[in-house]
Amino acid sequence: MKLYFAGPDVFRPDAREWAERLRGLCASLGHEALIPLDSRAQSAAEIYAANLAMIRQADAVIANLNPFRGCEPDSGTCFEVGLAIALGKRVVAYIANGEALRERVLREFGGTQNRDRDDQAIEDFGLPLNLMLAIPAEIVIGQIEQALEKLAVLG
């Protein structure tokens, strides 16, 4: 199965080493990893086009939806998940902590009850992510390995 890996991991200081470990893990499970770092694209427009092409080639998407630079997932990853869902691809997403979004926002940014520190309403469905991600994606509490296990279990 061809698996596209969406997430902010491409920004890690060890991104190339991470990608190689992931590629090996996928190969050991009989999958082909499609990783944004595989592209030779240089410009923003080229990277965008290359990532979309890989998502279209993929049989499924594995997405890192852990908070990135705040208490929400990386915006580019959210776009990729939305595209994959729109294309009818299966999306398995992983997060390290399953606490409800409301609890995370209040803990990290303050506020009271169902309002954040800026008096904006906080979505409160008991989900670990915004409902537009938590409903269509299969959410796994854990890491890439647990997402791959979920993919194998559900076929």
C-alpha atoms as a PDB file:
ATOM      1  CA  MET A   1       0.000   0.000   0.000  1.00  0.00           C
ATOM      2  CA  LYS A   2       1.269   3.509  -0.800  1.00  0.00           C
ATOM      3  CA  LEU A   3       1.062   5.710   2.290  1.00  0.00           C
ATOM      4  CA  TYR A   4       1.450   9.485   2.260  1.00  0.00           C
ATOM      5  CA  PHE A   5       2.818  10.883   5.514  1.00  0.00           C
ATOM      6  CA  ALA A   6       1.402  14.307   6.346  1.00  0.00           C
ATOM      7  CA  GLY A   7       2.701  16.358   9.242  1.00  0.00           C
ATOM      8  CA  PRO A   8       5.169  18.926  10.450  1.00  0.00           C
ATOM      9  CA  ASP A   9       7.899  16.289  10.782  1.00  0.00           C
ATOM     10  CA  VAL A  10       9.542  17.727   7.659  1.00  0.00           C
ATOM     11  CA  PHE A  11      10.579  20.672   9.871  1.00  0.00           C
ATOM     12  CA  ARG A  12      12.431  18.502  12.407  1.00  0.00           C
ATOM     13  CA  PRO A  13      16.190  19.063  12.652  1.00  0.00           C
ATOM     14  CA  ASP A  14      16.616  15.342  11.891  1.00  0.00           C
ATOM     15  CA  ALA A  15      13.959  15.246   9.143  1.00  0.00           C
ATOM     16  CA  ARG A  16      16.048  13.257   6.642  1.00  0.00           C
ATOM     17  CA  GLU A  17      16.987  10.613   9.221  1.00  0.00           C
ATOM     18  CA  TRP A  18      13.362  10.473  10.418  1.00  0.00           C
ATOM     19  CA  ALA A  19      12.221   9.918   6.810  1.00  0.00           C
ATOM     20  CA  GLU A  20      14.705   7.071   6.305  1.00  0.00           C
ATOM     21  CA  ARG A  21      13.592   5.339   9.516  1.00  0.00           C
ATOM     22  CA  LEU A  22       9.975   5.732   8.420  1.00  0.00           C
ATOM     23  CA  ARG A  23      10.738   4.398   4.953  1.00  0.00           C
ATOM     24  CA  GLY A  24      12.367   1.312   6.522  1.00  0.00           C
ATOM     25  CA  LEU A  25       9.458   0.766   8.895  1.00  0.00           C
ATOM     26  CA  CYS A  26       6.973   0.966   6.028  1.00  0.00           C
ATOM     27  CA  ALA A  27       9.020  -1.413   3.866  1.00  0.00           C
ATOM     28  CA  SER A  28       9.121  -3.946   6.726  1.00  0.00           C
ATOM     29  CA  LEU A  29       5.308  -3.858   6.786  1.00  0.00           C
ATOM     30  CA  GLY A  30       4.979  -4.144   3.005  1.00  0.00           C
ATOM     31  CA  HIS A  31       4.125  -0.486   2.400  1.00  0.00           C
ATOM     32  CA  GLU A  32       5.689   2.247   0.312  1.00  0.00           C
ATOM     33  CA  ALA A  33       6.189   5.537   2.133  1.00  0.00           C
ATOM     34  CA  LEU A  34       5.411   8.736   0.239  1.00  0.00           C
ATOM     35  CA  ILE A  35       7.122  11.517   2.177  1.00  0.00           C
ATOM     36  CA  PRO A  36       7.102  15.201   1.195  1.00  0.00           C
ATOM     37  CA  LEU A  37      10.898  15.257   1.527  1.00  0.00           C
ATOM     38  CA  ASP A  38      11.093  12.799  -1.403  1.00  0.00           C
ATOM     39  CA  SER A  39      10.346  15.569  -3.875  1.00  0.00           C
ATOM     40  CA  ARG A  40      13.080  17.593  -5.542  1.00  0.00           C
ATOM     41  CA  ALA A  41      10.754  20.589  -5.564  1.00  0.00           C
ATOM     42  CA  GLN A  42      12.316  23.865  -4.450  1.00  0.00           C
ATOM     43  CA  SER A  43       9.771  26.642  -4.759  1.00  0.00           C
ATOM     44  CA  ALA A  44       6.583  26.885  -2.710  1.00  0.00           C
ATOM     45  CA  ALA A  45       4.452  26.230  -5.800  1.00  0.00           C
ATOM     46  CA  GLU A  46       6.540  23.176  -6.753  1.00  0.00           C
ATOM     47  CA  ILE A  47       6.353  21.739  -3.235  1.00  0.00           C
ATOM     48  CA  TYR A  48       2.587  22.275  -3.184  1.00  0.00           C
ATOM     49  CA  ALA A  49       2.138  20.521  -6.552  1.00  0.00           C
ATOM     50  CA  ALA A  50       4.447  17.634  -5.584  1.00  0.00           C
ATOM     51  CA  ASN A  51       2.641  17.030  -2.278  1.00  0.00           C
ATOM     52  CA  LEU A  52      -0.756  17.032  -3.991  1.00  0.00           C
ATOM     53  CA  ALA A  53       0.524  14.550  -6.575  1.00  0.00           C
ATOM     54  CA  MET A  54       1.765  12.224  -3.815  1.00  0.00           C
ATOM     55  CA  ILE A  55      -1.572  12.420  -1.983  1.00  0.00           C
ATOM     56  CA  ARG A  56      -3.356  11.503  -5.218  1.00  0.00           C
ATOM     57  CA  GLN A  57      -0.998   8.507  -5.688  1.00  0.00           C
ATOM     58  CA  ALA A  58      -1.480   7.304  -2.119  1.00  0.00           C
ATOM     59  CA  ASP A  59      -3.843   4.576  -1.040  1.00  0.00           C
ATOM     60  CA  ALA A  60      -4.105   6.151   2.414  1.00  0.00           C
ATOM     61  CA  VAL A  61      -2.741   9.065   4.435  1.00  0.00           C
ATOM     62  CA  ILE A  62      -1.104   8.870   7.841  1.00  0.00           C
ATOM     63  CA  ALA A  63      -1.242  12.296   9.494  1.00  0.00           C
ATOM     64  CA  ASN A  64       0.604  13.714  12.492  1.00  0.00           C
ATOM     65  CA  LEU A  65      -2.054  15.946  14.061  1.00  0.00           C
ATOM     66  CA  ASN A  66      -0.141  16.773  17.221  1.00  0.00           C
ATOM     67  CA  PRO A  67      -0.158  20.442  18.190  1.00  0.00           C
ATOM     68  CA  PHE A  68       2.401  22.420  16.220  1.00  0.00           C
ATOM     69  CA  ARG A  69       3.422  25.962  17.134  1.00  0.00           C
ATOM     70  CA  GLY A  70       0.332  26.289  19.340  1.00  0.00           C
ATOM     71  CA  CYS A  71      -2.446  23.992  20.509  1.00  0.00           C
ATOM     72  CA  GLU A  72      -3.745  23.042  17.042  1.00  0.00           C
ATOM     73  CA  PRO A  73      -2.207  20.831  14.323  1.00  0.00           C
ATOM     74  CA  ASP A  74      -0.060  22.203  11.506  1.00  0.00           C
ATOM     75  CA  SER A  75      -2.249  24.076   9.008  1.00  0.00           C
ATOM     76  CA  GLY A  76      -0.600  22.471   5.974  1.00  0.00           C
ATOM     77  CA  THR A  77      -1.276  19.041   7.427  1.00  0.00           C
ATOM     78  CA  CYS A  78      -4.923  19.978   7.992  1.00  0.00           C
ATOM     79  CA  PHE A  79      -5.183  20.956   4.326  1.00  0.00           C
ATOM     80  CA  GLU A  80      -3.632  17.653   3.260  1.00  0.00           C
ATOM     81  CA  VAL A  81      -6.079  15.709   5.451  1.00  0.00           C
ATOM     82  CA  GLY A  82      -8.995  17.634   3.936  1.00  0.00           C
ATOM     83  CA  LEU A  83      -7.783  16.924   0.421  1.00  0.00           C
ATOM     84  CA  ALA A  84      -7.316  13.240   1.175  1.00  0.00           C
ATOM     85  CA  ILE A  85     -10.831  13.006   2.627  1.00  0.00           C
ATOM     86  CA  ALA A  86     -12.249  14.833  -0.415  1.00  0.00           C
ATOM     87  CA  LEU A  87     -10.454  12.340  -2.684  1.00  0.00           C
ATOM     88  CA  GLY A  88     -11.970   9.434  -0.765  1.00  0.00           C
ATOM     89  CA  LYS A  89      -8.675   8.357   0.807  1.00  0.00           C
ATOM     90  CA  ARG A  90      -8.558   6.689   4.170  1.00  0.00           C
ATOM     91  CA  VAL A  91      -6.905   8.924   6.786  1.00  0.00           C
ATOM     92  CA  VAL A  92      -5.417   7.583   9.994  1.00  0.00           C
ATOM     93  CA  ALA A  93      -4.182  10.373  12.227  1.00  0.00           C
ATOM     94  CA  TYR A  94      -2.149  10.150  15.389  1.00  0.00           C
ATOM     95  CA  ILE A  95      -1.845  12.399  18.410  1.00  0.00           C
ATOM     96  CA  ALA A  96       0.199  11.814  21.541  1.00  0.00           C
ATOM     97  CA  ASN A  97      -2.444  13.073  23.974  1.00  0.00           C
ATOM     98  CA  GLY A  98      -6.166  12.384  23.722  1.00  0.00           C
ATOM     99  CA  GLU A  99      -7.333  15.165  26.011  1.00  0.00           C
ATOM    100  CA  ALA A 100     -10.333  17.110  24.764  1.00  0.00           C
ATOM    101  CA  LEU A 101      -9.629  20.202  22.662  1.00  0.00           C
ATOM    102  CA  ARG A 102     -11.470  22.383  25.199  1.00  0.00           C
ATOM    103  CA  GLU A 103      -9.235  21.179  28.034  1.00  0.00           C
ATOM    104  CA  ARG A 104      -6.069  21.732  26.005  1.00  0.00           C
ATOM    105  CA  VAL A 105      -7.058  25.271  25.001  1.00  0.00           C
ATOM    106  CA  LEU A 106      -7.947  26.229  28.575  1.00  0.00           C
ATOM    107  CA  ARG A 107      -4.747  24.673  29.948  1.00  0.00           C
ATOM    108  CA  GLU A 108      -2.439  26.226  27.365  1.00  0.00           C
ATOM    109  CA  PHE A 109      -4.081  29.577  26.737  1.00  0.00           C
ATOM    110  CA  GLY A 110      -6.385  30.211  29.651  1.00  0.00           C
ATOM    111  CA  GLY A 111      -9.985  31.252  29.715  1.00  0.00           C
ATOM    112  CA  THR A 112     -13.083  30.239  31.573  1.00  0.00           C
ATOM    113  CA  GLN A 113     -15.609  27.460  30.992  1.00  0.00           C
ATOM    114  CA  ASN A 114     -16.211  27.401  27.213  1.00  0.00           C
ATOM    115  CA  ARG A 115     -14.463  30.666  26.280  1.00  0.00           C
ATOM    116  CA  ASP A 116     -10.774  31.219  25.635  1.00  0.00           C
ATOM    117  CA  ARG A 117      -8.725  34.130  26.937  1.00  0.00           C
ATOM    118  CA  ASP A 118      -9.926  36.243  24.002  1.00  0.00           C
ATOM    119  CA  ASP A 119     -13.580  35.419  24.845  1.00  0.00           C
ATOM    120  CA  GLN A 120     -13.941  33.205  21.757  1.00  0.00           C
ATOM    121  CA  ALA A 121     -16.130  30.125  22.134  1.00  0.00           C
ATOM    122  CA  ILE A 122     -14.244  26.829  22.447  1.00  0.00           C
ATOM    123  CA  GLU A 123     -15.652  23.848  20.580  1.00  0.00           C
ATOM    124  CA  ASP A 124     -16.761  21.368  23.230  1.00  0.00           C
ATOM    125  CA  PHE A 125     -17.675  17.972  21.801  1.00  0.00           C
ATOM    126  CA  GLY A 126     -15.177  16.072  23.952  1.00  0.00           C
ATOM    127  CA  LEU A 127     -13.031  15.414  20.884  1.00  0.00           C
ATOM    128  CA  PRO A 128      -9.231  15.740  20.924  1.00  0.00           C
ATOM    129  CA  LEU A 129      -9.294  17.849  17.739  1.00  0.00           C
ATOM    130  CA  ASN A 130     -11.631  20.168  15.902  1.00  0.00           C
ATOM    131  CA  LEU A 131     -14.643  18.169  14.701  1.00  0.00           C
ATOM    132  CA  MET A 132     -13.675  18.735  11.051  1.00  0.00           C
ATOM    133  CA  LEU A 133     -10.588  16.575  11.684  1.00  0.00           C
ATOM    134  CA  ALA A 134     -11.796  14.261  14.451  1.00  0.00           C
ATOM    135  CA  ILE A 135     -14.907  13.017  12.626  1.00  0.00           C
ATOM    136  CA  PRO A 136     -13.535  12.034   9.171  1.00  0.00           C
ATOM    137  CA  ALA A 137     -10.072  10.872  10.266  1.00  0.00           C
ATOM    138  CA  GLU A 138      -9.476   7.740  12.294  1.00  0.00           C
ATOM    139  CA  ILE A 139      -7.725   9.122  15.378  1.00  0.00           C
ATOM    140  CA  VAL A 140      -5.125   7.044  17.201  1.00  0.00           C
ATOM    141  CA  ILE A 141      -3.627   8.076  20.522  1.00  0.00           C
ATOM    142  CA  GLY A 142       0.045   7.286  20.098  1.00  0.00           C
ATOM    143  CA  GLN A 143       2.686   7.617  17.416  1.00  0.00           C
ATOM    144  CA  ILE A 144       3.250   6.561  13.801  1.00  0.00           C
ATOM    145  CA  GLU A 145       3.601   2.920  14.828  1.00  0.00           C
ATOM    146  CA  GLN A 146       0.122   2.873  16.379  1.00  0.00           C
ATOM    147  CA  ALA A 147      -1.336   4.576  13.288  1.00  0.00           C
ATOM    148  CA  LEU A 148       0.237   1.888  11.095  1.00  0.00           C
ATOM    149  CA  GLU A 149      -1.191  -0.805  13.387  1.00  0.00           C
ATOM    150  CA  LYS A 150      -4.671   0.734  13.076  1.00  0.00           C
ATOM    151  CA  LEU A 151      -4.309   0.788   9.312  1.00  0.00           C
ATOM    152  CA  ALA A 152      -3.390  -2.921   9.327  1.00  0.00           C
ATOM    153  CA  VAL A 153      -6.190  -3.916  11.699  1.00  0.00           C
ATOM    154  CA  LEU A 154      -8.952  -2.228   9.737  1.00  0.00           C
ATOM    155  CA  GLY A 155      -7.468  -3.138   6.356  1.00  0.00           C
END
